[in-house]
């Protein structure tokens, strides 16, 4: 789905099949570099796999950056921060992970040209 339909279509498909509810706001309609799309998708998929509650996913493009924000509930220690950093870093991006009381907020930023 990711290769054919792009990040937006893949996120919608993931939300339909995930074991936890995923709300997506700002589904990207434009295509981005293959590495960016793969990394962003995997960040959402891995977070959904670690969560026992729902996820809220928000995407935006700001100037030369694609920004992915996730609020996930019931994650605890199941999410591997180093894995997220590796995936985002492979796409030349940066990621911040904030944990609070079993929940997590992730902000990943990927360069995408101007």
PDB file of N, CA and C in Angstrom:
ATOM      1  N   UNK A   1       0.830  -1.190   0.000  1.00  0.00           N
ATOM      2  CA  UNK A   1       0.000   0.000   0.000  1.00  0.00           C
ATOM      3  C   UNK A   1       0.874   1.253   0.000  1.00  0.00           C
ATOM      4  N   UNK A   2       1.932   1.240   0.769  1.00  0.00           N
ATOM      5  CA  UNK A   2       2.809   2.403   0.878  1.00  0.00           C
ATOM      6  C   UNK A   2       3.445   2.740  -0.467  1.00  0.00           C
ATOM      7  N   UNK A   3       3.953   1.739  -1.166  1.00  0.00           N
ATOM      8  CA  UNK A   3       4.625   1.967  -2.444  1.00  0.00           C
ATOM      9  C   UNK A   3       3.663   2.476  -3.507  1.00  0.00           C
ATOM     10  N   UNK A   4       2.463   1.939  -3.530  1.00  0.00           N
ATOM     11  CA  UNK A   4       1.502   2.311  -4.572  1.00  0.00           C
ATOM     12  C   UNK A   4       0.702   3.563  -4.237  1.00  0.00           C
ATOM     13  N   UNK A   5       0.215   3.656  -3.009  1.00  0.00           N
ATOM     14  CA  UNK A   5      -0.697   4.734  -2.650  1.00  0.00           C
ATOM     15  C   UNK A   5      -0.085   5.872  -1.870  1.00  0.00           C
ATOM     16  N   UNK A   6       1.124   5.681  -1.373  1.00  0.00           N
ATOM     17  CA  UNK A   6       1.771   6.729  -0.602  1.00  0.00           C
ATOM     18  C   UNK A   6       1.446   6.653   0.875  1.00  0.00           C
ATOM     19  N   UNK A   7       2.036   7.563   1.623  1.00  0.00           N
ATOM     20  CA  UNK A   7       1.926   7.576   3.070  1.00  0.00           C
ATOM     21  C   UNK A   7       0.484   7.741   3.535  1.00  0.00           C
ATOM     22  N   UNK A   8      -0.242   8.655   2.936  1.00  0.00           N
ATOM     23  CA  UNK A   8      -1.625   8.894   3.361  1.00  0.00           C
ATOM     24  C   UNK A   8      -2.475   7.641   3.259  1.00  0.00           C
ATOM     25  N   UNK A   9      -2.427   6.979   2.115  1.00  0.00           N
ATOM     26  CA  UNK A   9      -3.212   5.758   1.915  1.00  0.00           C
ATOM     27  C   UNK A   9      -2.768   4.655   2.868  1.00  0.00           C
ATOM     28  N   UNK A  10      -1.468   4.541   3.098  1.00  0.00           N
ATOM     29  CA  UNK A  10      -0.958   3.503   3.988  1.00  0.00           C
ATOM     30  C   UNK A  10      -1.387   3.753   5.432  1.00  0.00           C
ATOM     31  N   UNK A  11      -1.394   5.012   5.864  1.00  0.00           N
ATOM     32  CA  UNK A  11      -1.836   5.311   7.223  1.00  0.00           C
ATOM     33  C   UNK A  11      -3.317   5.021   7.407  1.00  0.00           C
ATOM     34  N   UNK A  12      -4.116   5.337   6.406  1.00  0.00           N
ATOM     35  CA  UNK A  12      -5.555   5.042   6.475  1.00  0.00           C
ATOM     36  C   UNK A  12      -5.771   3.532   6.568  1.00  0.00           C
ATOM     37  N   UNK A  13      -5.049   2.770   5.764  1.00  0.00           N
ATOM     38  CA  UNK A  13      -5.162   1.310   5.809  1.00  0.00           C
ATOM     39  C   UNK A  13      -4.719   0.775   7.169  1.00  0.00           C
ATOM     40  N   UNK A  14      -3.637   1.312   7.714  1.00  0.00           N
ATOM     41  CA  UNK A  14      -3.168   0.891   9.028  1.00  0.00           C
ATOM     42  C   UNK A  14      -4.234   1.165  10.086  1.00  0.00           C
ATOM     43  N   UNK A  15      -4.855   2.327  10.031  1.00  0.00           N
ATOM     44  CA  UNK A  15      -5.890   2.692  11.002  1.00  0.00           C
ATOM     45  C   UNK A  15      -7.084   1.739  10.921  1.00  0.00           C
ATOM     46  N   UNK A  16      -7.405   1.287   9.732  1.00  0.00           N
ATOM     47  CA  UNK A  16      -8.535   0.369   9.561  1.00  0.00           C
ATOM     48  C   UNK A  16      -8.235  -1.016  10.108  1.00  0.00           C
ATOM     49  N   UNK A  17      -6.966  -1.419  10.112  1.00  0.00           N
ATOM     50  CA  UNK A  17      -6.599  -2.783  10.503  1.00  0.00           C
ATOM     51  C   UNK A  17      -5.981  -2.895  11.894  1.00  0.00           C
ATOM     52  N   UNK A  18      -5.639  -1.787  12.518  1.00  0.00           N
ATOM     53  CA  UNK A  18      -4.927  -1.819  13.800  1.00  0.00           C
ATOM     54  C   UNK A  18      -5.809  -2.374  14.917  1.00  0.00           C
ATOM     55  N   UNK A  19      -5.165  -2.948  15.921  1.00  0.00           N
ATOM     56  CA  UNK A  19      -5.904  -3.492  17.063  1.00  0.00           C
ATOM     57  C   UNK A  19      -6.301  -2.410  18.063  1.00  0.00           C
ATOM     58  N   UNK A  20      -5.755  -1.208  17.909  1.00  0.00           N
ATOM     59  CA  UNK A  20      -6.149  -0.066  18.734  1.00  0.00           C
ATOM     60  C   UNK A  20      -6.688   1.018  17.806  1.00  0.00           C
ATOM     61  N   UNK A  21      -7.589   1.864  18.297  1.00  0.00           N
ATOM     62  CA  UNK A  21      -8.112   2.939  17.447  1.00  0.00           C
ATOM     63  C   UNK A  21      -7.015   3.952  17.084  1.00  0.00           C
ATOM     64  N   UNK A  22      -6.988   4.332  15.818  1.00  0.00           N
ATOM     65  CA  UNK A  22      -6.040   5.343  15.343  1.00  0.00           C
ATOM     66  C   UNK A  22      -6.842   6.435  14.644  1.00  0.00           C
ATOM     67  N   UNK A  23      -6.711   7.644  15.166  1.00  0.00           N
ATOM     68  CA  UNK A  23      -7.335   8.817  14.530  1.00  0.00           C
ATOM     69  C   UNK A  23      -6.247   9.575  13.790  1.00  0.00           C
ATOM     70  N   UNK A  24      -6.481   9.823  12.513  1.00  0.00           N
ATOM     71  CA  UNK A  24      -5.477  10.516  11.696  1.00  0.00           C
ATOM     72  C   UNK A  24      -6.034  11.870  11.288  1.00  0.00           C
ATOM     73  N   UNK A  25      -5.269  12.898  11.567  1.00  0.00           N
ATOM     74  CA  UNK A  25      -5.628  14.267  11.219  1.00  0.00           C
ATOM     75  C   UNK A  25      -4.559  14.791  10.269  1.00  0.00           C
ATOM     76  N   UNK A  26      -4.977  15.326   9.152  1.00  0.00           N
ATOM     77  CA  UNK A  26      -4.010  15.864   8.198  1.00  0.00           C
ATOM     78  C   UNK A  26      -3.362  14.788   7.364  1.00  0.00           C
ATOM     79  N   UNK A  27      -4.157  13.856   6.838  1.00  0.00           N
ATOM     80  CA  UNK A  27      -3.606  12.776   6.012  1.00  0.00           C
ATOM     81  C   UNK A  27      -2.896  13.390   4.809  1.00  0.00           C
ATOM     82  N   UNK A  28      -1.627  13.070   4.632  1.00  0.00           N
ATOM     83  CA  UNK A  28      -0.891  13.657   3.504  1.00  0.00           C
ATOM     84  C   UNK A  28      -1.406  13.140   2.163  1.00  0.00           C
ATOM     85  N   UNK A  29      -1.622  14.057   1.240  1.00  0.00           N
ATOM     86  CA  UNK A  29      -2.073  13.664  -0.098  1.00  0.00           C
ATOM     87  C   UNK A  29      -0.931  13.680  -1.101  1.00  0.00           C
ATOM     88  N   UNK A  30       0.118  14.439  -0.800  1.00  0.00           N
ATOM     89  CA  UNK A  30       1.241  14.474  -1.727  1.00  0.00           C
ATOM     90  C   UNK A  30       2.211  13.342  -1.426  1.00  0.00           C
ATOM     91  N   UNK A  31       3.003  12.989  -2.409  1.00  0.00           N
ATOM     92  CA  UNK A  31       4.010  11.939  -2.233  1.00  0.00           C
ATOM     93  C   UNK A  31       5.307  12.573  -1.759  1.00  0.00           C
ATOM     94  N   UNK A  32       6.026  11.830  -0.951  1.00  0.00           N
ATOM     95  CA  UNK A  32       7.323  12.249  -0.447  1.00  0.00           C
ATOM     96  C   UNK A  32       8.355  11.209  -0.852  1.00  0.00           C
ATOM     97  N   UNK A  33       9.599  11.468  -0.537  1.00  0.00           N
ATOM     98  CA  UNK A  33      10.664  10.509  -0.827  1.00  0.00           C
ATOM     99  C   UNK A  33      10.324   9.165  -0.191  1.00  0.00           C
ATOM    100  N   UNK A  34      10.703   8.125  -0.868  1.00  0.00           N
ATOM    101  CA  UNK A  34      10.383   6.765  -0.415  1.00  0.00           C
ATOM    102  C   UNK A  34      10.872   6.507   1.017  1.00  0.00           C
ATOM    103  N   UNK A  35      12.081   6.946   1.342  1.00  0.00           N
ATOM    104  CA  UNK A  35      12.622   6.735   2.684  1.00  0.00           C
ATOM    105  C   UNK A  35      11.841   7.477   3.756  1.00  0.00           C
ATOM    106  N   UNK A  36      11.417   8.694   3.453  1.00  0.00           N
ATOM    107  CA  UNK A  36      10.611   9.477   4.390  1.00  0.00           C
ATOM    108  C   UNK A  36       9.294   8.762   4.647  1.00  0.00           C
ATOM    109  N   UNK A  37       8.608   8.355   3.579  1.00  0.00           N
ATOM    110  CA  UNK A  37       7.320   7.689   3.734  1.00  0.00           C
ATOM    111  C   UNK A  37       7.455   6.395   4.534  1.00  0.00           C
ATOM    112  N   UNK A  38       8.483   5.621   4.253  1.00  0.00           N
ATOM    113  CA  UNK A  38       8.684   4.357   4.962  1.00  0.00           C
ATOM    114  C   UNK A  38       8.963   4.599   6.442  1.00  0.00           C
ATOM    115  N   UNK A  39       9.815   5.567   6.737  1.00  0.00           N
ATOM    116  CA  UNK A  39      10.154   5.856   8.131  1.00  0.00           C
ATOM    117  C   UNK A  39       8.939   6.371   8.897  1.00  0.00           C
ATOM    118  N   UNK A  40       8.199   7.302   8.312  1.00  0.00           N
ATOM    119  CA  UNK A  40       7.016   7.852   8.981  1.00  0.00           C
ATOM    120  C   UNK A  40       5.975   6.757   9.227  1.00  0.00           C
ATOM    121  N   UNK A  41       5.753   5.908   8.243  1.00  0.00           N
ATOM    122  CA  UNK A  41       4.797   4.815   8.400  1.00  0.00           C
ATOM    123  C   UNK A  41       5.230   3.879   9.534  1.00  0.00           C
ATOM    124  N   UNK A  42       6.506   3.520   9.561  1.00  0.00           N
ATOM    125  CA  UNK A  42       6.986   2.593  10.578  1.00  0.00           C
ATOM    126  C   UNK A  42       6.909   3.194  11.977  1.00  0.00           C
ATOM    127  N   UNK A  43       7.108   4.488  12.106  1.00  0.00           N
ATOM    128  CA  UNK A  43       6.967   5.129  13.424  1.00  0.00           C
ATOM    129  C   UNK A  43       5.526   4.960  13.918  1.00  0.00           C
ATOM    130  N   UNK A  44       4.559   5.194  13.036  1.00  0.00           N
ATOM    131  CA  UNK A  44       3.156   5.038  13.431  1.00  0.00           C
ATOM    132  C   UNK A  44       2.847   3.573  13.718  1.00  0.00           C
ATOM    133  N   UNK A  45       3.289   2.674  12.838  1.00  0.00           N
ATOM    134  CA  UNK A  45       2.994   1.248  13.010  1.00  0.00           C
ATOM    135  C   UNK A  45       3.610   0.698  14.297  1.00  0.00           C
ATOM    136  N   UNK A  46       4.841   1.064  14.584  1.00  0.00           N
ATOM    137  CA  UNK A  46       5.498   0.577  15.796  1.00  0.00           C
ATOM    138  C   UNK A  46       4.835   1.144  17.050  1.00  0.00           C
ATOM    139  N   UNK A  47       4.415   2.391  16.984  1.00  0.00           N
ATOM    140  CA  UNK A  47       3.721   2.986  18.125  1.00  0.00           C
ATOM    141  C   UNK A  47       2.378   2.298  18.337  1.00  0.00           C
ATOM    142  N   UNK A  48       1.661   2.036  17.259  1.00  0.00           N
ATOM    143  CA  UNK A  48       0.372   1.332  17.367  1.00  0.00           C
ATOM    144  C   UNK A  48       0.565  -0.060  17.940  1.00  0.00           C
ATOM    145  N   UNK A  49       1.645  -0.728  17.565  1.00  0.00           N
ATOM    146  CA  UNK A  49       1.922  -2.056  18.083  1.00  0.00           C
ATOM    147  C   UNK A  49       2.257  -2.078  19.559  1.00  0.00           C
ATOM    148  N   UNK A  50       2.799  -0.981  20.058  1.00  0.00           N
ATOM    149  CA  UNK A  50       3.183  -0.897  21.469  1.00  0.00           C
ATOM    150  C   UNK A  50       2.056  -0.384  22.355  1.00  0.00           C
ATOM    151  N   UNK A  51       1.065   0.261  21.767  1.00  0.00           N
ATOM    152  CA  UNK A  51       0.002   0.907  22.541  1.00  0.00           C
ATOM    153  C   UNK A  51      -1.111  -0.075  22.911  1.00  0.00           C
ATOM    154  N   UNK A  52      -1.676   0.128  24.092  1.00  0.00           N
ATOM    155  CA  UNK A  52      -2.861  -0.627  24.483  1.00  0.00           C
ATOM    156  C   UNK A  52      -4.107   0.242  24.376  1.00  0.00           C
ATOM    157  N   UNK A  53      -3.898   1.540  24.220  1.00  0.00           N
ATOM    158  CA  UNK A  53      -4.990   2.482  24.025  1.00  0.00           C
ATOM    159  C   UNK A  53      -4.895   3.040  22.617  1.00  0.00           C
ATOM    160  N   UNK A  54      -5.579   4.114  22.352  1.00  0.00           N
ATOM    161  CA  UNK A  54      -5.612   4.680  21.014  1.00  0.00           C
ATOM    162  C   UNK A  54      -4.449   5.595  20.699  1.00  0.00           C
ATOM    163  N   UNK A  55      -4.392   5.961  19.422  1.00  0.00           N
ATOM    164  CA  UNK A  55      -3.382   6.888  18.927  1.00  0.00           C
ATOM    165  C   UNK A  55      -4.089   8.035  18.217  1.00  0.00           C
ATOM    166  N   UNK A  56      -3.525   9.215  18.338  1.00  0.00           N
ATOM    167  CA  UNK A  56      -3.916  10.363  17.534  1.00  0.00           C
ATOM    168  C   UNK A  56      -2.688  10.734  16.719  1.00  0.00           C
ATOM    169  N   UNK A  57      -2.836  10.740  15.401  1.00  0.00           N
ATOM    170  CA  UNK A  57      -1.728  11.012  14.484  1.00  0.00           C
ATOM    171  C   UNK A  57      -2.047  12.297  13.730  1.00  0.00           C
ATOM    172  N   UNK A  58      -1.103  13.204  13.718  1.00  0.00           N
ATOM    173  CA  UNK A  58      -1.276  14.477  13.007  1.00  0.00           C
ATOM    174  C   UNK A  58      -0.065  14.701  12.108  1.00  0.00           C
ATOM    175  N   UNK A  59      -0.320  15.018  10.848  1.00  0.00           N
ATOM    176  CA  UNK A  59       0.778  15.315   9.928  1.00  0.00           C
ATOM    177  C   UNK A  59       0.591  16.693   9.324  1.00  0.00           C
ATOM    178  N   UNK A  60       1.711  17.373   9.127  1.00  0.00           N
ATOM    179  CA  UNK A  60       1.710  18.673   8.459  1.00  0.00           C
ATOM    180  C   UNK A  60       2.991  18.813   7.661  1.00  0.00           C
ATOM    181  N   UNK A  61       2.950  19.737   6.742  1.00  0.00           N
ATOM    182  CA  UNK A  61       4.177  20.128   6.051  1.00  0.00           C
ATOM    183  C   UNK A  61       4.390  21.601   6.343  1.00  0.00           C
ATOM    184  N   UNK A  62       5.565  21.907   6.843  1.00  0.00           N
ATOM    185  CA  UNK A  62       5.908  23.273   7.178  1.00  0.00           C
ATOM    186  C   UNK A  62       7.213  23.617   6.484  1.00  0.00           C
ATOM    187  N   UNK A  63       7.125  24.471   5.479  1.00  0.00           N
ATOM    188  CA  UNK A  63       8.287  24.843   4.684  1.00  0.00           C
ATOM    189  C   UNK A  63       8.972  23.589   4.147  1.00  0.00           C
ATOM    190  N   UNK A  64      10.187  23.357   4.534  1.00  0.00           N
ATOM    191  CA  UNK A  64      10.949  22.230   3.994  1.00  0.00           C
ATOM    192  C   UNK A  64      10.924  21.008   4.910  1.00  0.00           C
ATOM    193  N   UNK A  65       9.929  20.933   5.807  1.00  0.00           N
ATOM    194  CA  UNK A  65       9.849  19.830   6.760  1.00  0.00           C
ATOM    195  C   UNK A  65       8.487  19.155   6.727  1.00  0.00           C
ATOM    196  N   UNK A  66       8.498  17.833   6.768  1.00  0.00           N
ATOM    197  CA  UNK A  66       7.284  17.049   6.984  1.00  0.00           C
ATOM    198  C   UNK A  66       7.285  16.692   8.467  1.00  0.00           C
ATOM    199  N   UNK A  67       6.191  17.007   9.167  1.00  0.00           N
ATOM    200  CA  UNK A  67       6.124  16.812  10.608  1.00  0.00           C
ATOM    201  C   UNK A  67       5.048  15.778  10.930  1.00  0.00           C
ATOM    202  N   UNK A  68       5.423  14.792  11.726  1.00  0.00           N
ATOM    203  CA  UNK A  68       4.537  13.729  12.186  1.00  0.00           C
ATOM    204  C   UNK A  68       4.465  13.813  13.698  1.00  0.00           C
ATOM    205  N   UNK A  69       3.250  13.963  14.239  1.00  0.00           N
ATOM    206  CA  UNK A  69       3.062  14.005  15.684  1.00  0.00           C
ATOM    207  C   UNK A  69       2.100  12.889  16.080  1.00  0.00           C
ATOM    208  N   UNK A  70       2.454  12.180  17.141  1.00  0.00           N
ATOM    209  CA  UNK A  70       1.634  11.068  17.618  1.00  0.00           C
ATOM    210  C   UNK A  70       1.443  11.208  19.117  1.00  0.00           C
ATOM    211  N   UNK A  71       0.205  11.102  19.559  1.00  0.00           N
ATOM    212  CA  UNK A  71      -0.114  10.966  20.981  1.00  0.00           C
ATOM    213  C   UNK A  71      -0.659   9.558  21.149  1.00  0.00           C
ATOM    214  N   UNK A  72       0.007   8.746  21.948  1.00  0.00           N
ATOM    215  CA  UNK A  72      -0.377   7.350  22.133  1.00  0.00           C
ATOM    216  C   UNK A  72      -0.646   7.067  23.600  1.00  0.00           C
ATOM    217  N   UNK A  73      -1.666   6.265  23.846  1.00  0.00           N
ATOM    218  CA  UNK A  73      -2.078   5.950  25.208  1.00  0.00           C
ATOM    219  C   UNK A  73      -1.766   4.495  25.547  1.00  0.00           C
ATOM    220  N   UNK A  74      -1.320   4.289  26.759  1.00  0.00           N
ATOM    221  CA  UNK A  74      -1.048   2.941  27.235  1.00  0.00           C
ATOM    222  C   UNK A  74       0.178   2.308  26.608  1.00  0.00           C
ATOM    223  N   UNK A  75       1.225   3.087  26.418  1.00  0.00           N
ATOM    224  CA  UNK A  75       2.429   2.566  25.765  1.00  0.00           C
ATOM    225  C   UNK A  75       3.397   1.972  26.790  1.00  0.00           C
ATOM    226  N   UNK A  76       3.521   2.598  27.921  1.00  0.00           N
ATOM    227  CA  UNK A  76       4.439   2.099  28.933  1.00  0.00           C
ATOM    228  C   UNK A  76       5.858   2.048  28.387  1.00  0.00           C
ATOM    229  N   UNK A  77       6.565   0.962  28.676  1.00  0.00           N
ATOM    230  CA  UNK A  77       7.952   0.830  28.230  1.00  0.00           C
ATOM    231  C   UNK A  77       8.073  -0.036  26.976  1.00  0.00           C
ATOM    232  N   UNK A  78       6.962  -0.383  26.341  1.00  0.00           N
ATOM    233  CA  UNK A  78       6.988  -1.279  25.189  1.00  0.00           C
ATOM    234  C   UNK A  78       7.539  -0.637  23.919  1.00  0.00           C
ATOM    235  N   UNK A  79       7.605   0.664  23.859  1.00  0.00           N
ATOM    236  CA  UNK A  79       8.078   1.352  22.663  1.00  0.00           C
ATOM    237  C   UNK A  79       9.592   1.520  22.740  1.00  0.00           C
ATOM    238  N   UNK A  80      10.287   1.108  21.697  1.00  0.00           N
ATOM    239  CA  UNK A  80      11.745   1.160  21.643  1.00  0.00           C
ATOM    240  C   UNK A  80      12.184   2.494  21.039  1.00  0.00           C
ATOM    241  N   UNK A  81      12.593   3.411  21.895  1.00  0.00           N
ATOM    242  CA  UNK A  81      13.000   4.744  21.448  1.00  0.00           C
ATOM    243  C   UNK A  81      14.182   4.681  20.477  1.00  0.00           C
ATOM    244  N   UNK A  82      15.145   3.813  20.760  1.00  0.00           N
ATOM    245  CA  UNK A  82      16.315   3.693  19.886  1.00  0.00           C
ATOM    246  C   UNK A  82      15.907   3.257  18.484  1.00  0.00           C
ATOM    247  N   UNK A  83      14.938   2.376  18.380  1.00  0.00           N
ATOM    248  CA  UNK A  83      14.440   1.931  17.072  1.00  0.00           C
ATOM    249  C   UNK A  83      13.799   3.095  16.315  1.00  0.00           C
ATOM    250  N   UNK A  84      13.013   3.902  17.018  1.00  0.00           N
ATOM    251  CA  UNK A  84      12.403   5.075  16.376  1.00  0.00           C
ATOM    252  C   UNK A  84      13.487   6.035  15.886  1.00  0.00           C
ATOM    253  N   UNK A  85      14.479   6.284  16.729  1.00  0.00           N
ATOM    254  CA  UNK A  85      15.562   7.190  16.350  1.00  0.00           C
ATOM    255  C   UNK A  85      16.314   6.669  15.136  1.00  0.00           C
ATOM    256  N   UNK A  86      16.540   5.361  15.078  1.00  0.00           N
ATOM    257  CA  UNK A  86      17.217   4.769  13.923  1.00  0.00           C
ATOM    258  C   UNK A  86      16.401   4.942  12.644  1.00  0.00           C
ATOM    259  N   UNK A  87      15.113   4.666  12.726  1.00  0.00           N
ATOM    260  CA  UNK A  87      14.255   4.768  11.540  1.00  0.00           C
ATOM    261  C   UNK A  87      14.165   6.203  11.023  1.00  0.00           C
ATOM    262  N   UNK A  88      13.950   7.124  11.937  1.00  0.00           N
ATOM    263  CA  UNK A  88      13.832   8.531  11.542  1.00  0.00           C
ATOM    264  C   UNK A  88      15.186   9.052  11.073  1.00  0.00           C
ATOM    265  N   UNK A  89      16.245   8.681  11.760  1.00  0.00           N
ATOM    266  CA  UNK A  89      17.578   9.107  11.372  1.00  0.00           C
ATOM    267  C   UNK A  89      17.979   8.600   9.997  1.00  0.00           C
ATOM    268  N   UNK A  90      17.535   7.399   9.634  1.00  0.00           N
ATOM    269  CA  UNK A  90      17.841   6.846   8.310  1.00  0.00           C
ATOM    270  C   UNK A  90      17.233   7.700   7.195  1.00  0.00           C
ATOM    271  N   UNK A  91      16.178   8.450   7.518  1.00  0.00           N
ATOM    272  CA  UNK A  91      15.554   9.354   6.551  1.00  0.00           C
ATOM    273  C   UNK A  91      16.026  10.791   6.775  1.00  0.00           C
ATOM    274  N   UNK A  92      17.141  10.939   7.503  1.00  0.00           N
ATOM    275  CA  UNK A  92      17.747  12.241   7.791  1.00  0.00           C
ATOM    276  C   UNK A  92      16.859  13.147   8.628  1.00  0.00           C
ATOM    277  N   UNK A  93      15.964  12.529   9.405  1.00  0.00           N
ATOM    278  CA  UNK A  93      15.055  13.293  10.245  1.00  0.00           C
ATOM    279  C   UNK A  93      15.513  13.331  11.689  1.00  0.00           C
ATOM    280  N   UNK A  94      14.675  13.898  12.508  1.00  0.00           N
ATOM    281  CA  UNK A  94      14.935  13.980  13.939  1.00  0.00           C
ATOM    282  C   UNK A  94      13.636  13.645  14.676  1.00  0.00           C
ATOM    283  N   UNK A  95      13.788  13.110  15.875  1.00  0.00           N
ATOM    284  CA  UNK A  95      12.606  12.683  16.625  1.00  0.00           C
ATOM    285  C   UNK A  95      12.762  13.053  18.093  1.00  0.00           C
ATOM    286  N   UNK A  96      11.646  13.425  18.694  1.00  0.00           N
ATOM    287  CA  UNK A  96      11.588  13.688  20.131  1.00  0.00           C
ATOM    288  C   UNK A  96      10.490  12.797  20.707  1.00  0.00           C
ATOM    289  N   UNK A  97      10.802  12.148  21.810  1.00  0.00           N
ATOM    290  CA  UNK A  97       9.846  11.263  22.467  1.00  0.00           C
ATOM    291  C   UNK A  97       9.684  11.738  23.902  1.00  0.00           C
ATOM    292  N   UNK A  98       8.449  12.008  24.281  1.00  0.00           N
ATOM    293  CA  UNK A  98       8.140  12.462  25.637  1.00  0.00           C
ATOM    294  C   UNK A  98       7.196  11.449  26.280  1.00  0.00           C
ATOM    295  N   UNK A  99       7.625  10.845  27.361  1.00  0.00           N
ATOM    296  CA  UNK A  99       6.802   9.859  28.071  1.00  0.00           C
ATOM    297  C   UNK A  99       6.181  10.514  29.303  1.00  0.00           C
ATOM    298  N   UNK A 100       4.913  10.162  29.554  1.00  0.00           N
ATOM    299  CA  UNK A 100       4.249  10.635  30.765  1.00  0.00           C
ATOM    300  C   UNK A 100       3.150   9.652  31.171  1.00  0.00           C
ATOM    301  N   UNK A 101       3.313   9.073  32.315  1.00  0.00           N
ATOM    302  CA  UNK A 101       2.312   8.182  32.921  1.00  0.00           C
ATOM    303  C   UNK A 101       1.800   7.101  31.975  1.00  0.00           C
ATOM    304  N   UNK A 102       2.693   6.421  31.304  1.00  0.00           N
ATOM    305  CA  UNK A 102       2.290   5.344  30.409  1.00  0.00           C
ATOM    306  C   UNK A 102       1.904   5.794  29.017  1.00  0.00           C
ATOM    307  N   UNK A 103       1.779   7.088  28.817  1.00  0.00           N
ATOM    308  CA  UNK A 103       1.458   7.629  27.497  1.00  0.00           C
ATOM    309  C   UNK A 103       2.733   8.173  26.867  1.00  0.00           C
ATOM    310  N   UNK A 104       2.684   8.423  25.583  1.00  0.00           N
ATOM    311  CA  UNK A 104       3.856   8.946  24.892  1.00  0.00           C
ATOM    312  C   UNK A 104       3.427   9.950  23.831  1.00  0.00           C
ATOM    313  N   UNK A 105       4.236  10.968  23.666  1.00  0.00           N
ATOM    314  CA  UNK A 105       4.059  11.937  22.577  1.00  0.00           C
ATOM    315  C   UNK A 105       5.330  11.890  21.745  1.00  0.00           C
ATOM    316  N   UNK A 106       5.147  11.706  20.448  1.00  0.00           N
ATOM    317  CA  UNK A 106       6.268  11.608  19.513  1.00  0.00           C
ATOM    318  C   UNK A 106       6.136  12.737  18.499  1.00  0.00           C
ATOM    319  N   UNK A 107       7.245  13.378  18.233  1.00  0.00           N
ATOM    320  CA  UNK A 107       7.296  14.372  17.152  1.00  0.00           C
ATOM    321  C   UNK A 107       8.492  14.020  16.295  1.00  0.00           C
ATOM    322  N   UNK A 108       8.209  13.663  15.060  1.00  0.00           N
ATOM    323  CA  UNK A 108       9.268  13.342  14.102  1.00  0.00           C
ATOM    324  C   UNK A 108       9.218  14.370  12.983  1.00  0.00           C
ATOM    325  N   UNK A 109      10.373  14.879  12.626  1.00  0.00           N
ATOM    326  CA  UNK A 109      10.482  15.881  11.559  1.00  0.00           C
ATOM    327  C   UNK A 109      11.425  15.353  10.499  1.00  0.00           C
ATOM    328  N   UNK A 110      10.990  15.435   9.245  1.00  0.00           N
ATOM    329  CA  UNK A 110      11.760  14.927   8.122  1.00  0.00           C
ATOM    330  C   UNK A 110      11.975  16.047   7.093  1.00  0.00           C
ATOM    331  N   UNK A 111      13.194  16.236   6.622  1.00  0.00           N
ATOM    332  CA  UNK A 111      13.410  17.219   5.554  1.00  0.00           C
ATOM    333  C   UNK A 111      12.728  16.732   4.277  1.00  0.00           C
ATOM    334  N   UNK A 112      12.048  17.635   3.591  1.00  0.00           N
ATOM    335  CA  UNK A 112      11.340  17.216   2.368  1.00  0.00           C
ATOM    336  C   UNK A 112      11.469  18.243   1.247  1.00  0.00           C
ATOM    337  N   UNK A 113      12.449  19.115   1.313  1.00  0.00           N
ATOM    338  CA  UNK A 113      12.628  20.132   0.269  1.00  0.00           C
ATOM    339  C   UNK A 113      11.696  21.283   0.479  1.00  0.00           C
ATOM    340  N   UNK A 114      11.919  22.351  -0.257  1.00  0.00           N
ATOM    341  CA  UNK A 114      11.085  23.543  -0.081  1.00  0.00           C
ATOM    342  C   UNK A 114      10.096  23.693  -1.192  1.00  0.00           C
TER     343      UNK A 114
END
